[in-house]
N, C-alpha and C. Protein backbone atom coordinates (compact mmCIF):
# COMPACT_ATOMS: atom_id res chain seq x y z
N MET A 1 3.02 98.43 206.21
CA MET A 1 3.24 98.15 204.51
C MET A 1 1.81 98.42 204.16
N ASN A 2 1.15 97.00 204.89
CA ASN A 2 0.29 97.07 203.55
C ASN A 2 -0.67 98.73 203.97
N ASP A 3 -0.79 98.54 204.88
CA ASP A 3 -2.17 99.98 204.58
C ASP A 3 -1.28 100.66 204.61
N ILE A 4 -0.31 101.51 204.26
CA ILE A 4 0.45 102.54 203.43
C ILE A 4 0.49 102.65 201.06
N PHE A 5 0.65 101.11 201.69
CA PHE A 5 -0.44 100.13 199.95
C PHE A 5 -1.34 101.06 199.81
N THR A 6 -2.81 99.99 200.77
CA THR A 6 -3.54 100.86 200.43
C THR A 6 -4.46 101.83 200.42
N ALA A 7 -3.16 102.57 201.23
CA ALA A 7 -3.98 104.22 201.43
C ALA A 7 -3.65 105.06 200.23
N GLU A 8 -2.05 104.89 199.69
CA GLU A 8 -2.07 104.95 198.00
C GLU A 8 -2.30 104.41 197.23
N SER A 9 -2.85 103.52 196.55
CA SER A 9 -3.89 103.05 195.78
C SER A 9 -5.22 103.28 195.57
N GLY A 10 -5.60 104.13 196.61
CA GLY A 10 -6.85 104.90 196.51
C GLY A 10 -7.78 103.63 197.28
N GLN A 11 -7.75 102.90 196.60
CA GLN A 11 -8.74 100.71 197.36
C GLN A 11 -8.29 100.49 199.26
N GLY A 12 -9.33 100.82 199.39
CA GLY A 12 -10.55 100.21 200.16
C GLY A 12 -10.11 98.78 200.44
N ARG A 13 -9.23 98.44 202.12
CA ARG A 13 -9.65 97.04 202.71
C ARG A 13 -10.16 95.96 202.39
N ILE A 14 -9.94 95.12 202.61
CA ILE A 14 -10.51 93.88 201.26
C ILE A 14 -11.68 93.72 202.65
N ALA A 15 -12.36 92.80 203.21
CA ALA A 15 -13.18 91.82 203.68
C ALA A 15 -14.31 90.80 202.94
N TYR A 16 -13.80 89.88 204.02
CA TYR A 16 -14.44 88.59 202.82
C TYR A 16 -15.37 87.71 203.65
N ILE A 17 -16.47 87.82 202.71
CA ILE A 17 -17.56 87.18 203.35
C ILE A 17 -18.39 85.92 203.33
N LYS A 18 -17.82 84.37 204.32
CA LYS A 18 -18.24 83.71 203.69
C LYS A 18 -19.09 83.16 204.30
N PRO A 19 -19.82 82.28 203.82
CA PRO A 19 -21.33 81.72 204.59
C PRO A 19 -20.45 80.55 205.48
N THR A 20 -21.19 80.33 206.02
CA THR A 20 -20.74 78.72 207.63
C THR A 20 -21.91 77.72 208.07
N GLY A 21 -21.43 76.78 208.18
CA GLY A 21 -22.25 75.83 208.68
C GLY A 21 -22.02 75.17 210.04
N SER A 22 -22.39 74.76 211.09
CA SER A 22 -22.25 74.17 212.16
C SER A 22 -20.71 74.36 212.21
N GLU A 23 -20.81 73.27 211.53
CA GLU A 23 -19.29 72.01 212.28
C GLU A 23 -18.21 73.37 211.37
N GLU A 24 -18.84 74.52 210.78
CA GLU A 24 -16.95 75.29 210.55
C GLU A 24 -17.09 76.17 211.69
N ALA A 25 -18.89 76.95 211.81
CA ALA A 25 -18.79 78.07 213.27
C ALA A 25 -18.52 77.65 214.61
N HIS A 26 -18.08 75.70 214.34
CA HIS A 26 -18.03 75.73 216.05
C HIS A 26 -16.06 75.87 215.47
N ARG A 27 -15.90 75.01 214.65
CA ARG A 27 -13.88 75.30 214.83
C ARG A 27 -14.25 77.00 215.04
N LEU A 28 -14.15 77.26 214.32
CA LEU A 28 -13.80 79.12 214.93
C LEU A 28 -14.16 79.27 215.83
N GLY A 29 -14.74 78.47 216.60
CA GLY A 29 -15.29 79.24 218.25
C GLY A 29 -16.39 80.29 217.97
N LEU A 30 -16.66 80.70 216.78
CA LEU A 30 -17.95 81.06 217.64
C LEU A 30 -19.55 81.09 217.81
N ILE A 31 -19.08 79.63 218.16
CA ILE A 31 -20.90 78.83 219.06
C ILE A 31 -19.71 78.31 219.40
N PRO A 32 -20.82 78.13 221.26
CA PRO A 32 -19.88 76.82 222.49
C PRO A 32 -20.31 75.28 221.35
N ALA A 33 -19.49 74.94 222.21
CA ALA A 33 -19.68 73.47 221.24
C ALA A 33 -20.52 72.31 222.09
N ASN A 34 -21.69 72.89 222.74
CA ASN A 34 -22.93 72.24 223.31
C ASN A 34 -24.14 72.87 222.40
N VAL A 35 -23.45 74.04 221.18
CA VAL A 35 -24.73 74.83 220.94
C VAL A 35 -24.67 74.10 218.73
N GLU A 36 -25.71 73.57 218.57
CA GLU A 36 -25.70 73.46 216.97
C GLU A 36 -27.20 74.25 216.53
N LEU A 37 -26.09 74.33 215.78
CA LEU A 37 -27.55 75.51 214.48
C LEU A 37 -28.70 74.41 213.91
N PRO A 38 -29.68 74.82 214.00
CA PRO A 38 -31.02 73.70 213.29
C PRO A 38 -30.38 73.93 211.86
N GLN A 39 -31.15 73.17 211.13
CA GLN A 39 -30.42 72.38 210.30
C GLN A 39 -30.50 73.43 209.13
N GLY A 40 -30.05 73.34 208.02
CA GLY A 40 -30.01 73.97 207.75
C GLY A 40 -29.77 75.83 207.42
N VAL A 41 -29.70 75.94 208.45
CA VAL A 41 -28.76 76.93 208.58
C VAL A 41 -27.76 78.14 208.37
N THR A 42 -27.42 78.99 208.04
CA THR A 42 -25.95 79.26 207.74
C THR A 42 -26.34 81.09 207.88
N LEU A 43 -24.02 80.76 208.25
CA LEU A 43 -23.97 82.62 209.39
C LEU A 43 -23.11 82.36 208.15
N TYR A 44 -23.26 83.88 208.58
CA TYR A 44 -22.53 84.61 206.90
C TYR A 44 -21.40 85.20 207.88
N VAL A 45 -20.21 85.15 208.25
CA VAL A 45 -18.87 85.08 208.55
C VAL A 45 -17.28 86.38 208.20
N LEU A 46 -17.68 87.36 208.53
CA LEU A 46 -16.89 88.27 208.29
C LEU A 46 -15.11 88.55 208.35
N HIS A 47 -14.37 88.08 207.70
CA HIS A 47 -12.91 87.72 207.44
C HIS A 47 -12.43 89.07 206.99
N ALA A 48 -11.21 89.91 208.20
CA ALA A 48 -10.52 90.60 207.53
C ALA A 48 -9.19 89.55 206.72
N GLU A 49 -7.86 90.89 205.78
CA GLU A 49 -7.83 90.01 205.17
C GLU A 49 -6.57 89.10 205.35
N ASP A 50 -5.88 89.22 206.28
CA ASP A 50 -5.11 88.32 207.44
C ASP A 50 -6.04 86.96 208.29
N GLY A 51 -7.72 87.03 207.65
CA GLY A 51 -8.30 85.76 207.99
C GLY A 51 -8.68 85.38 209.50
N ARG A 52 -8.40 87.23 210.69
CA ARG A 52 -9.24 87.15 211.36
C ARG A 52 -10.44 87.17 211.04
N VAL A 53 -11.52 86.84 212.66
CA VAL A 53 -12.93 86.77 212.21
C VAL A 53 -12.98 88.19 212.88
N LEU A 54 -14.04 88.88 211.70
CA LEU A 54 -14.29 90.25 212.42
C LEU A 54 -15.57 90.16 213.19
N GLY A 55 -16.66 89.69 212.71
CA GLY A 55 -17.82 89.05 212.90
C GLY A 55 -18.45 87.77 212.30
N TYR A 56 -19.95 87.51 213.00
CA TYR A 56 -21.18 87.54 211.64
C TYR A 56 -22.64 87.52 212.23
N THR A 57 -22.65 86.75 211.22
CA THR A 57 -24.69 87.39 211.26
C THR A 57 -25.14 86.24 210.14
N ASP A 58 -26.97 86.18 210.87
CA ASP A 58 -27.49 85.50 210.00
C ASP A 58 -28.21 85.41 208.60
N ALA A 59 -28.00 87.05 207.99
CA ALA A 59 -27.93 87.36 206.86
C ALA A 59 -26.99 88.03 206.19
N TYR A 60 -27.08 87.77 204.78
CA TYR A 60 -25.72 88.07 204.22
C TYR A 60 -25.70 89.62 203.38
N ALA A 61 -26.29 90.21 204.26
CA ALA A 61 -27.07 91.36 203.74
C ALA A 61 -26.78 92.56 204.38
N SER A 62 -26.48 92.16 206.10
CA SER A 62 -26.05 92.16 207.48
C SER A 62 -24.59 91.79 207.34
N ALA A 63 -23.89 91.33 206.69
CA ALA A 63 -22.54 91.48 206.95
C ALA A 63 -21.78 92.30 205.67
N TYR A 64 -22.63 92.70 204.35
CA TYR A 64 -22.06 92.77 204.25
C TYR A 64 -22.19 94.55 204.21
N GLY A 65 -23.51 95.56 204.91
CA GLY A 65 -23.78 96.47 205.52
C GLY A 65 -22.18 96.65 206.35
N ALA A 66 -21.84 95.49 207.65
CA ALA A 66 -21.46 95.63 208.23
C ALA A 66 -20.41 96.55 207.51
N ALA A 67 -19.25 95.33 206.14
CA ALA A 67 -18.35 95.92 206.04
C ALA A 67 -17.95 96.97 205.65
N VAL A 68 -19.05 97.24 204.50
CA VAL A 68 -19.45 98.46 204.09
C VAL A 68 -19.15 99.80 204.93
N GLN A 69 -19.85 99.93 205.76
CA GLN A 69 -20.18 100.87 207.49
C GLN A 69 -18.44 100.68 207.52
N ASN A 70 -18.19 99.74 207.62
CA ASN A 70 -16.56 99.97 208.09
C ASN A 70 -15.80 100.21 207.17
N GLU A 71 -16.14 100.65 205.88
CA GLU A 71 -14.96 100.92 205.64
C GLU A 71 -13.71 100.12 204.86
N LEU A 72 -14.95 98.35 204.22
CA LEU A 72 -13.91 97.83 204.38
C LEU A 72 -15.00 97.07 203.47
N THR A 73 -14.27 97.06 201.94
CA THR A 73 -14.67 96.27 200.24
C THR A 73 -14.82 94.83 201.14
N PRO A 74 -15.95 94.67 200.69
CA PRO A 74 -16.82 93.20 200.45
C PRO A 74 -16.92 92.25 200.03
N VAL A 75 -16.01 91.37 199.81
CA VAL A 75 -15.79 90.04 198.98
C VAL A 75 -16.54 88.62 199.36
N SER A 76 -16.85 87.67 198.29
CA SER A 76 -18.16 87.00 198.65
C SER A 76 -17.07 85.43 199.13
N VAL A 77 -17.09 84.62 199.68
CA VAL A 77 -15.99 83.67 199.57
C VAL A 77 -17.10 82.97 199.41
N HIS A 78 -16.31 81.97 198.40
CA HIS A 78 -17.91 79.91 198.38
C HIS A 78 -16.84 78.93 198.77
């Protein structure tokens, strides 16, 4: 039903871009437990509307571009 509403309303699907540190990246299973991100490094995680992780990168512009390239409407989450 959500796909039908999206198509009929003319709005694109939404993808959320969330800046994420090492602790959250471990919790999400993005990086192995024995790997730590250097201090101050932020990953930008692209989430589907339902919260699924679609991908991640080390640059906001890359996450934004991936969303647009896949016909998603990117929204920043803080």
